[in-house]
Every structure is written in C-alpha cells, then in structure tokens.
Protein backbone atom coordinates (compact mmCIF):
# COMPACT_ATOMS: atom_id res chain seq x y z
CA MET A 1 85.70 152.92 63.81
CA VAL A 2 88.38 151.26 61.70
CA ILE A 3 89.22 148.71 64.38
CA ARG A 4 85.59 147.78 64.80
CA SER A 5 85.26 147.35 61.05
CA VAL A 6 88.32 145.09 60.99
CA HIS A 7 86.79 142.85 63.66
CA GLU A 8 83.54 142.71 61.73
CA ARG A 9 85.41 141.80 58.59
CA PHE A 10 87.18 138.88 60.24
CA ALA A 11 83.89 137.76 61.80
CA VAL A 12 82.31 137.70 58.37
CA LEU A 13 85.16 135.73 56.86
CA THR A 14 85.05 133.25 59.74
CA ALA A 15 81.32 132.80 59.26
CA LEU A 16 81.88 132.23 55.56
CA LEU A 17 84.48 129.52 56.22
CA VAL A 18 82.18 127.81 58.70
CA ALA A 19 79.34 127.88 56.19
CA LEU A 20 81.56 126.23 53.61
CA LEU A 21 82.65 123.53 56.05
CA VAL A 22 79.13 122.61 57.12
CA THR A 23 77.49 122.74 53.74
CA GLY A 24 76.52 119.09 53.99
CA CYS A 25 74.62 119.69 57.23
CA VAL A 26 72.09 122.15 55.82
CA THR A 27 69.88 122.32 52.80
CA THR A 28 71.29 123.59 49.53
CA THR A 29 68.96 126.60 49.51
CA ASP A 30 69.86 127.72 53.05
CA SER A 31 73.56 127.31 52.30
CA ARG A 32 73.35 129.36 49.12
CA PHE A 33 71.56 132.27 50.79
CA SER A 34 73.90 132.12 53.77
CA ARG A 35 76.96 132.30 51.55
CA GLU A 36 75.40 135.13 49.52
CA ALA A 37 74.67 137.16 52.66
CA ASP A 38 78.18 136.59 53.98
CA ARG A 39 79.71 137.58 50.66
CA GLN A 40 77.69 140.79 50.45
CA LYS A 41 78.63 141.73 54.01
CA ALA A 42 82.29 141.04 53.35
CA VAL A 43 82.21 143.24 50.24
CA GLU A 44 80.53 145.99 52.22
CA ASN A 45 83.15 145.81 54.97
CA TYR A 46 86.06 145.85 52.50
CA VAL A 47 84.60 148.92 50.77
CA GLN A 48 84.13 150.68 54.10
CA LEU A 49 87.74 149.98 55.02
CA ALA A 50 88.94 151.19 51.63
CA SER A 51 86.93 154.40 51.99
CA ALA A 52 88.36 155.00 55.45
CA TYR A 53 91.92 154.59 54.17
CA ILE A 54 91.21 156.93 51.25
CA GLY A 55 90.06 159.51 53.79
CA GLN A 56 93.37 159.08 55.60
CA GLY A 57 95.32 159.40 52.35
CA ASN A 58 96.57 155.81 52.56
CA ILE A 59 95.81 154.81 48.98
CA GLU A 60 97.84 151.60 49.03
CA ARG A 61 95.92 150.17 51.97
CA ALA A 62 92.68 151.31 50.37
CA ARG A 63 93.58 149.56 47.13
CA HIS A 64 94.38 146.34 49.00
CA HIS A 65 90.94 146.17 50.62
CA LEU A 66 89.19 147.23 47.43
CA ASP A 67 90.92 144.47 45.49
CA ARG A 68 89.54 141.98 47.98
CA ALA A 69 86.03 143.40 47.52
CA LEU A 70 86.28 143.15 43.74
CA GLU A 71 87.56 139.59 43.96
CA LEU A 72 84.37 138.68 45.78
CA GLU A 73 82.07 140.78 43.58
CA PRO A 74 83.62 142.23 40.38
CA ASP A 75 80.42 144.13 39.53
CA SER A 76 79.84 145.68 42.97
CA PRO A 77 78.68 149.29 42.39
CA GLN A 78 80.03 150.27 45.81
CA ALA A 79 83.48 148.89 45.02
CA LEU A 80 83.51 150.31 41.49
CA ALA A 81 82.57 153.80 42.69
CA THR A 82 85.32 153.71 45.32
CA LEU A 83 87.76 152.44 42.73
CA GLY A 84 86.98 155.59 40.75
CA LEU A 85 88.22 157.66 43.69
CA ILE A 86 91.47 155.74 43.74
CA TYR A 87 92.01 156.14 40.00
CA ASN A 88 91.30 159.85 40.32
CA SER A 89 93.82 160.22 43.15
CA ASP A 90 96.36 158.41 40.96
CA GLY A 91 95.87 160.95 38.18
CA GLU A 92 93.95 158.58 35.92
CA PRO A 93 90.78 160.55 35.07
CA GLU A 94 89.78 158.31 32.15
CA LEU A 95 89.87 155.19 34.31
CA ALA A 96 88.12 157.06 37.15
CA GLU A 97 85.27 158.10 34.90
CA LYS A 98 84.95 154.60 33.52
CA SER A 99 84.61 153.21 37.04
CA PHE A 100 82.02 155.82 38.06
CA LYS A 101 79.96 155.16 34.95
CA ARG A 102 80.17 151.43 35.43
CA ALA A 103 79.03 151.73 39.05
CA ILE A 104 75.99 153.75 37.96
CA SER A 105 75.30 151.28 35.16
CA GLU A 106 75.33 148.39 37.63
CA ASP A 107 72.92 150.21 39.96
CA SER A 108 71.38 153.48 38.78
CA LYS A 109 69.91 153.99 42.28
CA TYR A 110 73.28 153.85 44.03
CA THR A 111 73.36 157.53 44.97
CA ARG A 112 76.90 157.65 46.30
CA ALA A 113 78.27 156.77 42.85
CA ARG A 114 76.44 159.77 41.39
CA VAL A 115 77.79 161.99 44.16
CA TYR A 116 81.36 160.84 43.46
CA TYR A 117 80.86 161.22 39.73
CA GLY A 118 79.28 164.66 40.12
CA ALA A 119 82.23 165.87 42.19
CA PHE A 120 84.63 164.42 39.63
CA LEU A 121 82.85 166.21 36.78
CA TYR A 122 82.81 169.47 38.76
CA ALA A 123 86.58 169.28 39.24
CA GLN A 124 86.95 168.62 35.52
CA GLY A 125 84.97 171.77 34.73
CA ARG A 126 82.15 169.79 33.14
CA LEU A 127 79.53 171.74 35.04
CA GLU A 128 76.35 170.82 33.19
CA GLU A 129 77.11 167.11 33.51
CA SER A 130 78.01 167.62 37.15
CA ARG A 131 74.74 169.44 37.79
CA ASP A 132 72.78 166.60 36.20
CA GLN A 133 74.45 163.99 38.44
CA PHE A 134 73.85 166.02 41.60
CA SER A 135 70.28 166.70 40.52
CA ALA A 136 69.61 162.99 40.07
CA ALA A 137 71.28 162.19 43.39
CA SER A 138 69.22 164.82 45.23
CA LYS A 139 66.05 162.86 44.51
CA ASP A 140 67.11 160.06 46.85
CA THR A 141 65.14 160.96 49.98
CA ASP A 142 66.78 158.12 51.92
CA TYR A 143 70.36 159.30 51.36
CA LYS A 144 71.98 160.03 54.71
CA ASP A 145 73.77 163.24 53.74
CA ARG A 146 71.23 164.65 51.30
CA GLY A 147 71.89 168.19 52.47
CA SER A 148 75.44 168.07 51.08
CA ILE A 149 74.08 166.95 47.70
CA PHE A 150 71.89 170.05 47.50
CA TYR A 151 74.86 172.19 48.53
CA ASN A 152 76.98 170.73 45.74
CA LEU A 153 74.09 171.17 43.33
CA GLY A 154 73.82 174.81 44.38
CA MET A 155 77.55 175.39 43.81
CA THR A 156 77.30 173.91 40.33
CA GLN A 157 74.21 175.92 39.44
CA GLU A 158 75.85 179.08 40.72
CA ARG A 159 78.89 178.56 38.53
CA LEU A 160 76.55 178.02 35.59
CA GLY A 161 74.96 181.40 36.28
CA GLN A 162 71.69 179.84 37.42
CA GLN A 163 71.19 182.01 40.48
CA LYS A 164 67.50 181.28 41.01
CA GLU A 165 68.13 177.53 40.96
CA ALA A 166 71.22 177.91 43.17
CA ILE A 167 69.22 179.82 45.79
CA ALA A 168 66.60 177.06 45.85
CA SER A 169 69.30 174.39 46.27
CA TYR A 170 71.18 176.27 49.00
CA ARG A 171 67.91 176.89 50.83
CA ARG A 172 67.05 173.19 50.68
CA ALA A 173 70.55 172.34 51.92
CA SER A 174 70.15 174.65 54.91
CA GLU A 175 66.77 173.10 55.72
CA LEU A 176 68.05 169.53 55.56
CA THR A 177 71.15 170.30 57.63
CA ARG A 178 69.21 172.33 60.21
CA GLY A 179 71.25 175.43 59.48
CA ASP A 180 74.69 174.33 58.34
CA PRO A 181 76.89 177.48 58.39
CA ARG A 182 78.31 176.75 54.94
CA SER A 183 74.83 176.54 53.39
CA LEU A 184 73.58 179.64 55.21
CA LEU A 185 76.55 181.68 54.04
CA SER A 186 76.27 180.60 50.41
CA LEU A 187 72.53 181.25 50.48
CA SER A 188 73.03 184.70 51.98
CA ARG A 189 75.73 185.62 49.49
CA VAL A 190 73.82 184.54 46.39
CA MET A 191 70.66 186.28 47.60
CA VAL A 192 72.63 189.49 48.01
CA GLU A 193 74.02 189.11 44.51
CA SER A 194 70.53 188.49 43.14
CA GLY A 195 69.21 191.66 44.79
CA ASP A 196 67.20 190.09 47.61
CA VAL A 197 69.18 191.71 50.40
CA ALA A 198 66.31 191.65 52.89
CA GLY A 199 65.96 187.89 52.42
CA ALA A 200 69.71 187.46 52.68
CA ALA A 201 69.71 189.37 55.96
CA ARG A 202 67.41 186.81 57.57
CA TYR A 203 69.69 183.90 56.73
CA TYR A 204 72.81 185.86 57.60
CA LYS A 205 71.35 186.62 61.03
CA ARG A 206 70.87 182.88 61.57
CA LEU A 207 74.50 182.37 60.60
CA LEU A 208 75.67 184.93 63.15
CA VAL A 209 73.62 183.28 65.91
CA ILE A 210 75.23 179.92 65.14
CA MET A 211 78.68 181.51 65.18
CA GLN A 212 78.03 183.14 68.54
CA ARG A 213 77.04 179.77 70.00
CA ASN A 214 80.08 178.00 68.61
CA PRO A 215 83.42 179.74 69.39
CA LYS A 216 85.21 177.41 66.97
CA LEU A 217 83.44 179.03 64.03
CA LYS A 218 85.35 182.03 62.70
CA HIS A 219 84.51 184.57 60.04
CA SER A 220 85.97 184.05 56.59
CA PRO A 221 86.58 186.87 54.09
CA GLU A 222 83.43 185.72 52.29
CA SER A 223 81.24 185.88 55.39
CA LEU A 224 82.60 189.29 56.39
CA PHE A 225 82.10 190.85 52.96
CA THR A 226 78.62 189.36 52.67
CA GLY A 227 77.74 190.88 56.04
CA ILE A 228 79.19 194.23 55.01
CA ARG A 229 77.04 194.35 51.88
CA ILE A 230 73.93 193.52 53.89
CA ALA A 231 74.76 196.10 56.57
CA ARG A 232 75.34 198.81 53.95
CA HIS A 233 72.00 198.08 52.31
CA LEU A 234 70.18 198.21 55.66
CA GLY A 235 72.04 201.33 56.78
CA ASP A 236 73.53 199.58 59.80
CA ARG A 237 76.75 201.58 60.09
CA ASN A 238 77.89 199.98 63.34
CA GLN A 239 77.64 196.48 61.91
CA GLU A 240 79.36 197.55 58.71
CA ALA A 241 82.21 199.20 60.62
CA SER A 242 82.73 196.15 62.83
CA LEU A 243 82.83 193.72 59.92
CA ARG A 244 84.98 196.07 57.83
CA LEU A 245 87.57 196.29 60.61
CA GLN A 246 87.71 192.50 60.91
CA LEU A 247 88.11 192.12 57.17
CA LYS A 248 90.87 194.75 57.02
CA ASN A 249 92.80 193.42 60.03
CA ASN A 250 92.44 189.69 59.43
CA TYR A 251 92.35 189.42 55.64
CA PRO A 252 94.03 192.49 54.14
CA GLU A 253 95.25 190.54 51.10
CA SER A 254 91.94 188.82 50.38
CA VAL A 255 89.94 189.26 47.21
CA GLU A 256 86.98 190.30 49.35
CA TYR A 257 88.89 193.19 50.92
CA GLN A 258 89.85 194.42 47.48
CA GLN A 259 86.19 194.15 46.48
CA TYR A 260 85.22 196.18 49.54
CA LYS A 261 87.69 198.94 48.67
CA ALA A 262 86.30 199.00 45.13
CA LEU A 263 82.78 199.18 46.56
CA ILE A 264 83.44 202.24 48.70
CA SER A 265 85.46 203.83 45.89
CA ASN A 266 82.49 203.54 43.56
CA ASP A 267 80.24 205.13 46.16
CA LYS A 268 82.52 208.13 46.26
C-alpha cells in the first residue's frame, strides 16, 4: 500500500510540473482547475503517507510528508488533524488540541478530525467533551468505519455512567460491523450490569459462535467473566464450570478472577 501511494504521489507531482510547463497551451480556466486538482491530490497523498508512517511509529518520516502537505495547503483539515496526532505523540497536548480544533474549524464535516479529537479528549479524561465529539461524528452516515465511532461513543458513555446510552451505542456498533466481537462483548457485559441478562445472553451466544468459527479469537478475562455471570443467571452449571476453569487456569491474577471469587463468596 505504501509503495503504491509513493508511485501515485510522484505521478501527481509529475502531472503538476507538466501542467506548469504547458500553461500557455491551454486556457487560463482549464489550467487553474487542473493545478487545483493536482494540488488537492498531492495533499491527499502526502497525508495518507504521513498516516501510514504514524501507524508504523515512524514519526520523523510522517512529519516530513505532512510538512509537504502543509506547504501545499496550510489550511488542509486532513493535514491539520494528522498533525495533531504527531503533536500528541511528541507529548505536546496543547499543540495537538489546537491542531484538532483548527481542522474542525476549517471543515466541520471532516469526521476523521472529530474522531481523532474525541480519542484525544478521552485519553485526557475529558469524557463529556469526548462523548460530544464522537456523537457528532456518528451522524456521518458516509464515514467508512462508522461502527468504530459508535463503539468509542459507547465506551465514553459507559465511563460517564450512562448505561442506557452505552447499550444503544454498542448495539449500533455491532449492527454496523456485522457482529464485531469487541462490540458484542461490550454490549453483553453492559447489559448484564444493567440487569438485562436474558438480552445479554443472546449477544453473548453470537459472540461464542464467531469465536468457534475463528480459531484465532481467544477468550479474555472479560469475556469469560461475562459468560460466567450469564451462565449463573440462567442456571447453566456446565457452561459456568467450563468458563470458570478457563478463567482460573489462564488468568489467575486477573481482576475478573478476583471478582468471580468475590461473587461466589457472597453467594455463600
């Protein structure tokens, strides 16, 4: 993917140089629009490269490509939002927030900037502000990864103690992702905690089916304890015993195993 993007970037720059050289051979209007299209595409490619390098942890290379994007378009919301990620990785939260806000100011409909800013605010513990950014972002029906926005919104609402809202967000996330295991587990867990164990059991069963079909998916302490609580409520002793044994053997030091021991102690 990176190599293909590099070739596309050079193709764009070559096209831009050609356009500049043959300006006298076309009308002024055609030349202006051609240069504008080339510039926008170049900015887009630089931002994509920068994002890829950020994902690899190569911040210096990311900064190099982002600088090129900002040279071409200083007010690019895409470049400004990505710059916020770089500032944040450099331990400059004030500059990161300034970049995120500026990106949103330049284009309030640029959803990715709100997603970045929402995640930043969540990490800062500013949960209500984070929730508001994710909520606004979730309204973009054209956003490619909308399911993850609803998942993040659900996490934020859950931490704010808004269980009803969190359940609705997790359920929407699971619908949009066609049953993402992470969303199904969070939905099951919060429904158990809210008292709707029967509802939680339906989603947890879907999670187990997905896990059976994909050997790479393994139980976490959270998924095992959630299943134990559901099994206890339904009186399924075999399921409870199986999950309890996995939790004890695989995660004896986990918080969830301590919670399980407290649960059975209270029953006694």
